[in-house]
């Protein structure tokens, strides 16, 4: 596996104890030494998107997010579904990036911590495709952590079969990034 690679993981939930964050933390813990996964903690700091501030008065938190996206070799996004849609914080973050040059063609892996949530996943996929990311669909997966206690989530994510799914998809994502980079 080539390296070093920097992957930036974005959780659509702002809750520290969210199941989607737990899934990202499990990927972080399973990453090989040549792959760094950093989990974003900036979404809650972003003001509501305002196109008037894009050009000349970009907030520091939005600039920090854009810098992390630019530095990343790929993005991992894990998001719950709120009221059949993408959570507002995640959509707001994407809105701050939509007219910038950091995110187009960036490889993206979507992961989901629930057996349901198709409306949000479909909406998120549409937004990301509109933003011209390289959605690496063969690396997307679901692990059902919805409604589980933190202890139950930890047990599920420690299961050897589940860990194998996480590692396999992470390896596929890294291979896809490497292929994209060599094709340029």
N, C-alpha and C. Protein backbone atom coordinates (compact mmCIF):
# COMPACT_ATOMS: atom_id res chain seq x y z
N UNK A 1 0.85 -1.18 0.00
CA UNK A 1 0.00 0.00 0.00
C UNK A 1 0.89 1.24 0.00
N UNK A 2 0.63 2.18 -0.89
CA UNK A 2 1.44 3.38 -0.95
C UNK A 2 1.16 4.30 0.23
N UNK A 3 1.96 5.28 0.39
CA UNK A 3 1.71 6.23 1.46
C UNK A 3 2.74 7.33 1.38
N UNK A 4 2.74 8.27 2.22
CA UNK A 4 1.67 8.46 3.19
C UNK A 4 0.46 9.13 2.54
N UNK A 5 -0.70 8.78 3.03
CA UNK A 5 -1.95 9.39 2.56
C UNK A 5 -2.65 10.05 3.74
N UNK A 6 -3.27 11.18 3.46
CA UNK A 6 -4.05 11.90 4.47
C UNK A 6 -5.52 11.86 4.06
N UNK A 7 -6.33 11.23 4.90
CA UNK A 7 -7.77 11.16 4.66
C UNK A 7 -8.46 12.02 5.72
N UNK A 8 -9.39 12.83 5.28
CA UNK A 8 -10.14 13.70 6.18
C UNK A 8 -11.54 13.12 6.31
N UNK A 9 -11.94 12.82 7.53
CA UNK A 9 -13.22 12.18 7.80
C UNK A 9 -14.20 13.20 8.36
N UNK A 10 -15.37 13.28 7.75
CA UNK A 10 -16.39 14.25 8.14
C UNK A 10 -17.62 13.51 8.63
N UNK A 11 -18.01 13.82 9.85
CA UNK A 11 -19.21 13.22 10.43
C UNK A 11 -20.36 14.22 10.31
N UNK A 12 -21.48 13.76 9.77
CA UNK A 12 -22.64 14.62 9.61
C UNK A 12 -23.34 14.93 10.91
N UNK A 13 -23.05 14.20 11.96
CA UNK A 13 -23.64 14.45 13.27
C UNK A 13 -22.64 15.22 14.12
N UNK A 14 -23.11 16.20 14.85
CA UNK A 14 -22.25 16.96 15.74
C UNK A 14 -22.11 16.30 17.11
N UNK A 15 -22.91 15.30 17.38
CA UNK A 15 -22.83 14.61 18.68
C UNK A 15 -21.52 13.85 18.79
N UNK A 16 -20.79 14.05 19.88
CA UNK A 16 -19.53 13.33 20.10
C UNK A 16 -19.78 11.83 20.22
N UNK A 17 -20.94 11.43 20.73
CA UNK A 17 -21.25 10.02 20.92
C UNK A 17 -22.10 9.45 19.79
N UNK A 18 -22.03 10.05 18.62
CA UNK A 18 -22.87 9.56 17.51
C UNK A 18 -22.34 8.25 16.97
N UNK A 19 -23.24 7.45 16.43
CA UNK A 19 -22.84 6.17 15.84
C UNK A 19 -22.01 6.39 14.58
N UNK A 20 -22.28 7.44 13.83
CA UNK A 20 -21.49 7.73 12.63
C UNK A 20 -20.07 8.14 13.01
N UNK A 21 -19.92 8.89 14.08
CA UNK A 21 -18.58 9.23 14.55
C UNK A 21 -17.86 7.98 15.04
N UNK A 22 -18.57 7.09 15.72
CA UNK A 22 -17.96 5.83 16.18
C UNK A 22 -17.44 5.03 15.00
N UNK A 23 -18.17 5.03 13.90
CA UNK A 23 -17.73 4.32 12.70
C UNK A 23 -16.45 4.96 12.13
N UNK A 24 -16.41 6.28 12.09
CA UNK A 24 -15.20 6.97 11.62
C UNK A 24 -14.02 6.72 12.55
N UNK A 25 -14.27 6.69 13.85
CA UNK A 25 -13.20 6.40 14.81
C UNK A 25 -12.66 4.99 14.62
N UNK A 26 -13.54 4.04 14.31
CA UNK A 26 -13.09 2.67 14.06
C UNK A 26 -12.21 2.62 12.81
N UNK A 27 -12.59 3.33 11.76
CA UNK A 27 -11.74 3.40 10.56
C UNK A 27 -10.39 4.04 10.90
N UNK A 28 -10.43 5.10 11.68
CA UNK A 28 -9.20 5.76 12.12
C UNK A 28 -8.27 4.77 12.83
N UNK A 29 -8.84 4.00 13.74
CA UNK A 29 -8.04 3.05 14.53
C UNK A 29 -7.50 1.90 13.70
N UNK A 30 -8.17 1.56 12.60
CA UNK A 30 -7.74 0.45 11.75
C UNK A 30 -6.85 0.87 10.59
N UNK A 31 -6.63 2.16 10.43
CA UNK A 31 -5.81 2.64 9.31
C UNK A 31 -4.38 2.14 9.45
N UNK A 32 -3.79 1.71 8.33
CA UNK A 32 -2.39 1.28 8.37
C UNK A 32 -1.49 2.49 8.67
N UNK A 33 -0.25 2.24 9.09
CA UNK A 33 0.65 3.34 9.49
C UNK A 33 0.87 4.40 8.42
N UNK A 34 0.79 4.01 7.15
CA UNK A 34 1.04 4.99 6.09
C UNK A 34 -0.20 5.79 5.70
N UNK A 35 -1.31 5.59 6.42
CA UNK A 35 -2.54 6.32 6.16
C UNK A 35 -2.96 7.02 7.45
N UNK A 36 -3.10 8.34 7.36
CA UNK A 36 -3.57 9.12 8.49
C UNK A 36 -5.02 9.51 8.24
N UNK A 37 -5.86 9.26 9.22
CA UNK A 37 -7.25 9.69 9.14
C UNK A 37 -7.48 10.69 10.27
N UNK A 38 -7.87 11.88 9.89
CA UNK A 38 -8.21 12.92 10.87
C UNK A 38 -9.71 13.16 10.80
N UNK A 39 -10.35 13.14 11.96
CA UNK A 39 -11.80 13.37 12.01
C UNK A 39 -12.05 14.86 12.23
N UNK A 40 -12.85 15.43 11.35
CA UNK A 40 -13.17 16.85 11.37
C UNK A 40 -13.98 17.22 12.62
N UNK A 41 -13.57 18.31 13.25
CA UNK A 41 -14.31 18.86 14.38
C UNK A 41 -14.73 20.30 14.10
N UNK A 42 -14.84 20.68 12.84
CA UNK A 42 -15.09 22.07 12.47
C UNK A 42 -16.55 22.38 12.15
N UNK A 43 -17.38 21.39 11.89
CA UNK A 43 -18.72 21.67 11.40
C UNK A 43 -19.54 22.54 12.34
N UNK A 44 -19.43 22.30 13.64
CA UNK A 44 -20.18 23.07 14.61
C UNK A 44 -19.72 24.52 14.74
N UNK A 45 -18.54 24.83 14.23
CA UNK A 45 -18.00 26.19 14.31
C UNK A 45 -18.36 27.05 13.11
N UNK A 46 -18.91 26.44 12.07
CA UNK A 46 -19.22 27.18 10.85
C UNK A 46 -20.47 28.03 11.01
N UNK A 47 -20.42 29.30 10.63
CA UNK A 47 -21.66 30.08 10.61
C UNK A 47 -22.53 29.61 9.45
N UNK A 48 -23.77 30.00 9.47
CA UNK A 48 -24.67 29.65 8.37
C UNK A 48 -24.12 30.26 7.08
N UNK A 49 -24.12 29.43 6.04
CA UNK A 49 -23.58 29.86 4.75
C UNK A 49 -24.26 31.13 4.26
N UNK A 50 -23.43 32.06 3.82
CA UNK A 50 -23.91 33.32 3.27
C UNK A 50 -23.05 33.62 2.04
N UNK A 51 -23.63 33.57 0.85
CA UNK A 51 -22.85 33.81 -0.37
C UNK A 51 -22.16 35.17 -0.39
N UNK A 52 -22.69 36.14 0.34
CA UNK A 52 -22.06 37.46 0.38
C UNK A 52 -20.70 37.42 1.07
N UNK A 53 -20.48 36.41 1.91
CA UNK A 53 -19.20 36.32 2.64
C UNK A 53 -18.18 35.44 1.91
N UNK A 54 -18.60 34.78 0.84
CA UNK A 54 -17.71 33.86 0.14
C UNK A 54 -16.47 34.54 -0.43
N UNK A 55 -16.65 35.61 -1.11
CA UNK A 55 -15.55 36.21 -1.87
C UNK A 55 -14.57 37.00 -1.01
N UNK A 56 -15.07 37.82 -0.10
CA UNK A 56 -14.16 38.74 0.60
C UNK A 56 -14.13 38.57 2.10
N UNK A 57 -15.11 37.92 2.68
CA UNK A 57 -15.20 37.86 4.14
C UNK A 57 -15.42 36.43 4.61
N UNK A 58 -14.69 35.49 4.02
CA UNK A 58 -14.84 34.07 4.36
C UNK A 58 -14.48 33.88 5.84
N UNK A 59 -15.36 33.26 6.63
CA UNK A 59 -15.06 33.04 8.04
C UNK A 59 -13.83 32.13 8.21
N UNK A 60 -13.10 32.35 9.29
CA UNK A 60 -11.89 31.57 9.57
C UNK A 60 -12.19 30.07 9.63
N UNK A 61 -13.34 29.71 10.20
CA UNK A 61 -13.68 28.28 10.31
C UNK A 61 -13.92 27.67 8.93
N UNK A 62 -14.52 28.41 8.02
CA UNK A 62 -14.74 27.91 6.66
C UNK A 62 -13.41 27.80 5.91
N UNK A 63 -12.52 28.75 6.13
CA UNK A 63 -11.19 28.68 5.52
C UNK A 63 -10.40 27.50 6.06
N UNK A 64 -10.53 27.24 7.36
CA UNK A 64 -9.84 26.09 7.97
C UNK A 64 -10.37 24.78 7.38
N UNK A 65 -11.68 24.67 7.20
CA UNK A 65 -12.26 23.48 6.59
C UNK A 65 -11.75 23.32 5.16
N UNK A 66 -11.76 24.39 4.40
CA UNK A 66 -11.28 24.35 3.02
C UNK A 66 -9.81 23.91 2.96
N UNK A 67 -9.00 24.39 3.89
CA UNK A 67 -7.58 24.01 3.92
C UNK A 67 -7.42 22.52 4.21
N UNK A 68 -8.22 21.98 5.13
CA UNK A 68 -8.15 20.55 5.43
C UNK A 68 -8.57 19.72 4.22
N UNK A 69 -9.62 20.17 3.53
CA UNK A 69 -10.09 19.47 2.33
C UNK A 69 -9.01 19.50 1.26
N UNK A 70 -8.38 20.66 1.06
CA UNK A 70 -7.32 20.79 0.06
C UNK A 70 -6.16 19.84 0.38
N UNK A 71 -5.79 19.74 1.63
CA UNK A 71 -4.64 18.91 2.04
C UNK A 71 -4.94 17.42 1.95
N UNK A 72 -6.21 17.05 1.99
CA UNK A 72 -6.59 15.64 2.02
C UNK A 72 -6.43 14.98 0.66
N UNK A 73 -5.97 13.74 0.70
CA UNK A 73 -5.92 12.92 -0.51
C UNK A 73 -7.31 12.34 -0.82
N UNK A 74 -8.15 12.25 0.20
CA UNK A 74 -9.51 11.75 0.03
C UNK A 74 -10.34 12.08 1.24
N UNK A 75 -11.66 12.01 1.09
CA UNK A 75 -12.60 12.30 2.17
C UNK A 75 -13.40 11.05 2.49
N UNK A 76 -13.67 10.87 3.77
CA UNK A 76 -14.59 9.83 4.21
C UNK A 76 -15.74 10.57 4.89
N UNK A 77 -16.96 10.34 4.43
CA UNK A 77 -18.12 11.02 5.01
C UNK A 77 -19.07 9.99 5.57
N UNK A 78 -19.45 10.20 6.83
CA UNK A 78 -20.43 9.34 7.50
C UNK A 78 -21.49 10.25 8.08
N UNK A 79 -22.73 10.02 7.69
CA UNK A 79 -23.78 10.95 8.10
C UNK A 79 -25.08 10.24 8.42
N UNK A 80 -25.76 10.69 9.47
CA UNK A 80 -27.09 10.17 9.74
C UNK A 80 -28.11 10.83 8.81
N UNK A 81 -29.34 10.39 8.94
CA UNK A 81 -30.45 11.01 8.23
C UNK A 81 -31.30 11.74 9.24
N UNK A 82 -31.56 13.01 9.00
CA UNK A 82 -32.44 13.80 9.85
C UNK A 82 -33.65 14.21 9.01
N UNK A 83 -34.85 13.78 9.41
CA UNK A 83 -36.09 14.16 8.73
C UNK A 83 -36.00 13.92 7.23
N UNK A 84 -35.49 12.74 6.85
CA UNK A 84 -35.34 12.33 5.46
C UNK A 84 -34.35 13.18 4.68
N UNK A 85 -33.40 13.80 5.37
CA UNK A 85 -32.44 14.62 4.66
C UNK A 85 -31.06 14.61 5.30
N UNK A 86 -30.18 15.36 4.68
CA UNK A 86 -28.81 15.53 5.16
C UNK A 86 -28.86 16.49 6.35
N UNK A 87 -28.17 16.19 7.44
CA UNK A 87 -28.17 17.11 8.58
C UNK A 87 -27.69 18.50 8.16
N UNK A 88 -28.29 19.51 8.77
CA UNK A 88 -28.01 20.90 8.41
C UNK A 88 -26.54 21.27 8.52
N UNK A 89 -25.85 20.80 9.55
CA UNK A 89 -24.43 21.15 9.73
C UNK A 89 -23.58 20.66 8.58
N UNK A 90 -23.84 19.43 8.12
CA UNK A 90 -23.08 18.88 6.99
C UNK A 90 -23.40 19.62 5.70
N UNK A 91 -24.68 19.86 5.46
CA UNK A 91 -25.07 20.59 4.25
C UNK A 91 -24.50 22.00 4.26
N UNK A 92 -24.49 22.63 5.42
CA UNK A 92 -23.91 23.97 5.55
C UNK A 92 -22.43 23.95 5.21
N UNK A 93 -21.71 22.95 5.70
CA UNK A 93 -20.27 22.83 5.39
C UNK A 93 -20.06 22.68 3.89
N UNK A 94 -20.86 21.84 3.27
CA UNK A 94 -20.74 21.64 1.82
C UNK A 94 -21.08 22.92 1.07
N UNK A 95 -22.05 23.67 1.57
CA UNK A 95 -22.40 24.94 0.93
C UNK A 95 -21.21 25.91 0.95
N UNK A 96 -20.44 25.92 2.04
CA UNK A 96 -19.26 26.79 2.10
C UNK A 96 -18.21 26.38 1.07
N UNK A 97 -18.23 25.13 0.65
CA UNK A 97 -17.22 24.62 -0.28
C UNK A 97 -17.67 24.60 -1.74
N UNK A 98 -18.95 24.75 -2.00
CA UNK A 98 -19.51 24.46 -3.31
C UNK A 98 -18.88 25.26 -4.45
N UNK A 99 -18.51 26.50 -4.22
CA UNK A 99 -17.96 27.30 -5.33
C UNK A 99 -16.44 27.44 -5.24
N UNK A 100 -15.84 26.69 -4.34
CA UNK A 100 -14.38 26.74 -4.18
C UNK A 100 -13.73 25.61 -4.98
N UNK A 101 -12.41 25.63 -5.05
CA UNK A 101 -11.71 24.63 -5.87
C UNK A 101 -11.12 23.46 -5.07
N UNK A 102 -11.36 23.38 -3.78
CA UNK A 102 -10.77 22.31 -2.97
C UNK A 102 -11.44 20.95 -3.18
N UNK A 103 -12.73 20.94 -3.42
CA UNK A 103 -13.45 19.66 -3.39
C UNK A 103 -13.68 19.01 -4.76
N UNK A 104 -13.75 19.73 -5.87
CA UNK A 104 -13.95 19.02 -7.14
C UNK A 104 -12.86 17.98 -7.39
N UNK A 105 -13.30 16.82 -7.83
CA UNK A 105 -12.44 15.67 -8.18
C UNK A 105 -11.79 15.00 -6.98
N UNK A 106 -12.15 15.41 -5.77
CA UNK A 106 -11.61 14.79 -4.56
C UNK A 106 -12.27 13.42 -4.40
N UNK A 107 -11.51 12.35 -4.20
CA UNK A 107 -12.10 11.03 -3.96
C UNK A 107 -12.88 11.03 -2.64
N UNK A 108 -14.08 10.46 -2.67
CA UNK A 108 -14.94 10.43 -1.48
C UNK A 108 -15.47 9.02 -1.27
N UNK A 109 -15.40 8.59 -0.03
CA UNK A 109 -15.93 7.30 0.43
C UNK A 109 -17.10 7.62 1.38
N UNK A 110 -18.28 7.09 1.08
CA UNK A 110 -19.44 7.27 1.96
C UNK A 110 -19.63 6.02 2.80
N UNK A 111 -19.75 6.23 4.11
CA UNK A 111 -20.05 5.12 5.02
C UNK A 111 -21.25 5.53 5.86
N UNK A 112 -21.98 4.56 6.35
CA UNK A 112 -23.24 4.85 7.03
C UNK A 112 -23.43 3.91 8.21
N UNK A 113 -23.85 4.45 9.34
CA UNK A 113 -23.97 3.67 10.57
C UNK A 113 -25.40 3.27 10.87
N UNK A 114 -26.15 2.94 9.84
CA UNK A 114 -27.55 2.56 10.04
C UNK A 114 -28.01 1.65 8.89
N UNK A 115 -29.03 0.87 9.17
CA UNK A 115 -29.64 0.03 8.13
C UNK A 115 -30.65 0.84 7.31
N UNK A 116 -30.94 2.04 7.77
CA UNK A 116 -31.85 2.91 7.02
C UNK A 116 -31.16 4.25 6.78
N UNK A 117 -31.82 5.13 6.09
CA UNK A 117 -31.23 6.43 5.79
C UNK A 117 -31.04 6.66 4.31
N UNK A 118 -31.79 5.93 3.49
CA UNK A 118 -31.62 6.04 2.04
C UNK A 118 -31.91 7.45 1.52
N UNK A 119 -32.86 8.16 2.13
CA UNK A 119 -33.17 9.52 1.66
C UNK A 119 -31.95 10.43 1.81
N UNK A 120 -31.31 10.37 2.98
CA UNK A 120 -30.13 11.21 3.21
C UNK A 120 -28.98 10.80 2.32
N UNK A 121 -28.76 9.50 2.18
CA UNK A 121 -27.66 9.04 1.33
C UNK A 121 -27.88 9.45 -0.13
N UNK A 122 -29.11 9.34 -0.60
CA UNK A 122 -29.41 9.78 -1.97
C UNK A 122 -29.20 11.29 -2.13
N UNK A 123 -29.67 12.06 -1.15
CA UNK A 123 -29.52 13.51 -1.21
C UNK A 123 -28.05 13.90 -1.13
N UNK A 124 -27.30 13.26 -0.23
CA UNK A 124 -25.88 13.56 -0.09
C UNK A 124 -25.12 13.19 -1.37
N UNK A 125 -25.46 12.05 -1.94
CA UNK A 125 -24.83 11.64 -3.19
C UNK A 125 -25.09 12.66 -4.29
N UNK A 126 -26.31 13.13 -4.39
CA UNK A 126 -26.66 14.14 -5.40
C UNK A 126 -25.86 15.43 -5.19
N UNK A 127 -25.78 15.89 -3.94
CA UNK A 127 -25.02 17.12 -3.65
C UNK A 127 -23.56 16.93 -4.02
N UNK A 128 -22.98 15.79 -3.62
CA UNK A 128 -21.56 15.54 -3.89
C UNK A 128 -21.27 15.41 -5.38
N UNK A 129 -22.17 14.77 -6.11
CA UNK A 129 -21.98 14.67 -7.56
C UNK A 129 -22.09 16.05 -8.21
N UNK A 130 -22.99 16.87 -7.72
CA UNK A 130 -23.12 18.24 -8.23
C UNK A 130 -21.85 19.03 -7.98
N UNK A 131 -21.15 18.71 -6.87
CA UNK A 131 -19.90 19.38 -6.52
C UNK A 131 -18.70 18.75 -7.24
N UNK A 132 -18.96 17.77 -8.09
CA UNK A 132 -17.94 17.13 -8.93
C UNK A 132 -16.89 16.35 -8.17
N UNK A 133 -17.28 15.74 -7.04
CA UNK A 133 -16.33 14.86 -6.35
C UNK A 133 -16.22 13.55 -7.11
N UNK A 134 -15.20 12.77 -6.79
CA UNK A 134 -15.06 11.42 -7.34
C UNK A 134 -15.58 10.45 -6.29
N UNK A 135 -16.86 10.17 -6.36
CA UNK A 135 -17.48 9.26 -5.41
C UNK A 135 -17.02 7.84 -5.74
N UNK A 136 -16.31 7.23 -4.81
CA UNK A 136 -15.78 5.88 -5.01
C UNK A 136 -16.82 4.91 -4.43
N UNK A 137 -17.84 4.65 -5.25
CA UNK A 137 -19.02 3.93 -4.78
C UNK A 137 -18.72 2.51 -4.30
N UNK A 138 -17.71 1.86 -4.88
CA UNK A 138 -17.42 0.48 -4.49
C UNK A 138 -16.83 0.38 -3.09
N UNK A 139 -16.53 1.52 -2.45
CA UNK A 139 -16.01 1.50 -1.08
C UNK A 139 -17.07 1.88 -0.05
N UNK A 140 -18.24 2.25 -0.52
CA UNK A 140 -19.31 2.64 0.40
C UNK A 140 -19.90 1.40 1.08
N UNK A 141 -20.24 1.56 2.36
CA UNK A 141 -20.82 0.44 3.09
C UNK A 141 -21.63 0.96 4.27
N UNK A 142 -22.39 0.03 4.86
CA UNK A 142 -23.22 0.32 6.04
C UNK A 142 -22.89 -0.69 7.13
N UNK A 143 -22.84 -0.20 8.34
CA UNK A 143 -22.74 -1.04 9.53
C UNK A 143 -23.86 -0.55 10.44
N UNK A 144 -24.77 -1.42 10.85
CA UNK A 144 -25.92 -0.98 11.64
C UNK A 144 -25.53 -0.78 13.10
N UNK A 145 -25.38 0.49 13.47
CA UNK A 145 -25.10 0.87 14.85
C UNK A 145 -26.25 1.67 15.46
N UNK A 146 -27.29 1.89 14.66
CA UNK A 146 -28.42 2.71 15.09
C UNK A 146 -29.09 2.13 16.33
N UNK A 147 -29.30 2.97 17.33
CA UNK A 147 -30.01 2.57 18.53
C UNK A 147 -29.20 1.73 19.50
N UNK A 148 -27.95 1.55 19.23
CA UNK A 148 -27.09 0.74 20.10
C UNK A 148 -26.44 1.62 21.16
N UNK A 149 -26.19 1.03 22.32
CA UNK A 149 -25.46 1.74 23.36
C UNK A 149 -24.00 1.86 22.93
N UNK A 150 -23.25 2.77 23.55
CA UNK A 150 -21.82 2.85 23.22
C UNK A 150 -21.11 1.50 23.39
N UNK A 151 -21.47 0.75 24.39
CA UNK A 151 -20.85 -0.56 24.61
C UNK A 151 -21.21 -1.53 23.50
N UNK A 152 -22.47 -1.52 23.07
CA UNK A 152 -22.90 -2.39 21.97
C UNK A 152 -22.21 -2.00 20.67
N UNK A 153 -22.09 -0.69 20.42
CA UNK A 153 -21.38 -0.23 19.22
C UNK A 153 -19.94 -0.69 19.24
N UNK A 154 -19.30 -0.56 20.39
CA UNK A 154 -17.90 -0.97 20.52
C UNK A 154 -17.76 -2.47 20.24
N UNK A 155 -18.69 -3.27 20.74
CA UNK A 155 -18.64 -4.72 20.51
C UNK A 155 -18.83 -5.04 19.03
N UNK A 156 -19.77 -4.36 18.39
CA UNK A 156 -20.01 -4.59 16.96
C UNK A 156 -18.77 -4.23 16.16
N UNK A 157 -18.19 -3.07 16.45
CA UNK A 157 -17.03 -2.61 15.69
C UNK A 157 -15.77 -3.41 16.00
N UNK A 158 -15.77 -4.16 17.10
CA UNK A 158 -14.63 -5.02 17.44
C UNK A 158 -14.79 -6.43 16.86
N UNK A 159 -15.97 -6.75 16.34
CA UNK A 159 -16.20 -8.08 15.76
C UNK A 159 -15.26 -8.29 14.57
N UNK A 160 -14.59 -9.43 14.50
CA UNK A 160 -13.62 -9.66 13.41
C UNK A 160 -14.23 -9.54 12.01
N UNK A 161 -15.46 -9.97 11.82
CA UNK A 161 -16.08 -9.86 10.50
C UNK A 161 -16.33 -8.39 10.13
N UNK A 162 -16.76 -7.61 11.09
CA UNK A 162 -17.01 -6.17 10.85
C UNK A 162 -15.68 -5.46 10.61
N UNK A 163 -14.69 -5.76 11.42
CA UNK A 163 -13.36 -5.16 11.23
C UNK A 163 -12.82 -5.48 9.83
N UNK A 164 -13.06 -6.69 9.36
CA UNK A 164 -12.60 -7.08 8.02
C UNK A 164 -13.30 -6.23 6.95
N UNK A 165 -14.57 -5.94 7.14
CA UNK A 165 -15.31 -5.08 6.19
C UNK A 165 -14.69 -3.67 6.19
N UNK A 166 -14.41 -3.15 7.36
CA UNK A 166 -13.82 -1.82 7.46
C UNK A 166 -12.46 -1.76 6.79
N UNK A 167 -11.61 -2.73 7.11
CA UNK A 167 -10.26 -2.76 6.55
C UNK A 167 -10.30 -2.94 5.03
N UNK A 168 -11.13 -3.85 4.56
CA UNK A 168 -11.23 -4.12 3.12
C UNK A 168 -11.66 -2.88 2.35
N UNK A 169 -12.66 -2.19 2.85
CA UNK A 169 -13.15 -1.00 2.15
C UNK A 169 -12.17 0.16 2.24
N UNK A 170 -11.49 0.28 3.36
CA UNK A 170 -10.47 1.31 3.49
C UNK A 170 -9.32 1.03 2.51
N UNK A 171 -8.91 -0.22 2.41
CA UNK A 171 -7.86 -0.59 1.45
C UNK A 171 -8.30 -0.30 0.01
N UNK A 172 -9.55 -0.62 -0.31
CA UNK A 172 -10.07 -0.33 -1.65
C UNK A 172 -10.05 1.17 -1.94
N UNK A 173 -10.40 1.96 -0.93
CA UNK A 173 -10.41 3.41 -1.09
C UNK A 173 -9.00 3.94 -1.34
N UNK A 174 -8.05 3.46 -0.56
CA UNK A 174 -6.66 3.86 -0.74
C UNK A 174 -6.17 3.45 -2.14
N UNK A 175 -6.53 2.26 -2.58
CA UNK A 175 -6.15 1.81 -3.93
C UNK A 175 -6.78 2.71 -5.00
N UNK A 176 -8.02 3.10 -4.79
CA UNK A 176 -8.69 3.98 -5.75
C UNK A 176 -8.00 5.34 -5.81
N UNK A 177 -7.61 5.87 -4.66
CA UNK A 177 -6.90 7.15 -4.62
C UNK A 177 -5.58 7.03 -5.36
N UNK A 178 -4.87 5.95 -5.10
CA UNK A 178 -3.58 5.71 -5.76
C UNK A 178 -3.76 5.61 -7.26
N UNK A 179 -4.79 4.91 -7.71
CA UNK A 179 -5.08 4.78 -9.14
C UNK A 179 -5.40 6.14 -9.75
N UNK A 180 -6.22 6.93 -9.05
CA UNK A 180 -6.58 8.27 -9.53
C UNK A 180 -5.33 9.14 -9.65
N UNK A 181 -4.45 9.07 -8.66
CA UNK A 181 -3.23 9.88 -8.69
C UNK A 181 -2.30 9.48 -9.82
N UNK A 182 -2.17 8.18 -10.07
CA UNK A 182 -1.28 7.73 -11.13
C UNK A 182 -1.87 7.98 -12.52
N UNK A 183 -3.20 8.10 -12.60
CA UNK A 183 -3.85 8.35 -13.89
C UNK A 183 -3.74 9.81 -14.31
N UNK A 184 -3.38 10.68 -13.38
CA UNK A 184 -3.29 12.12 -13.71
C UNK A 184 -2.11 12.43 -14.55
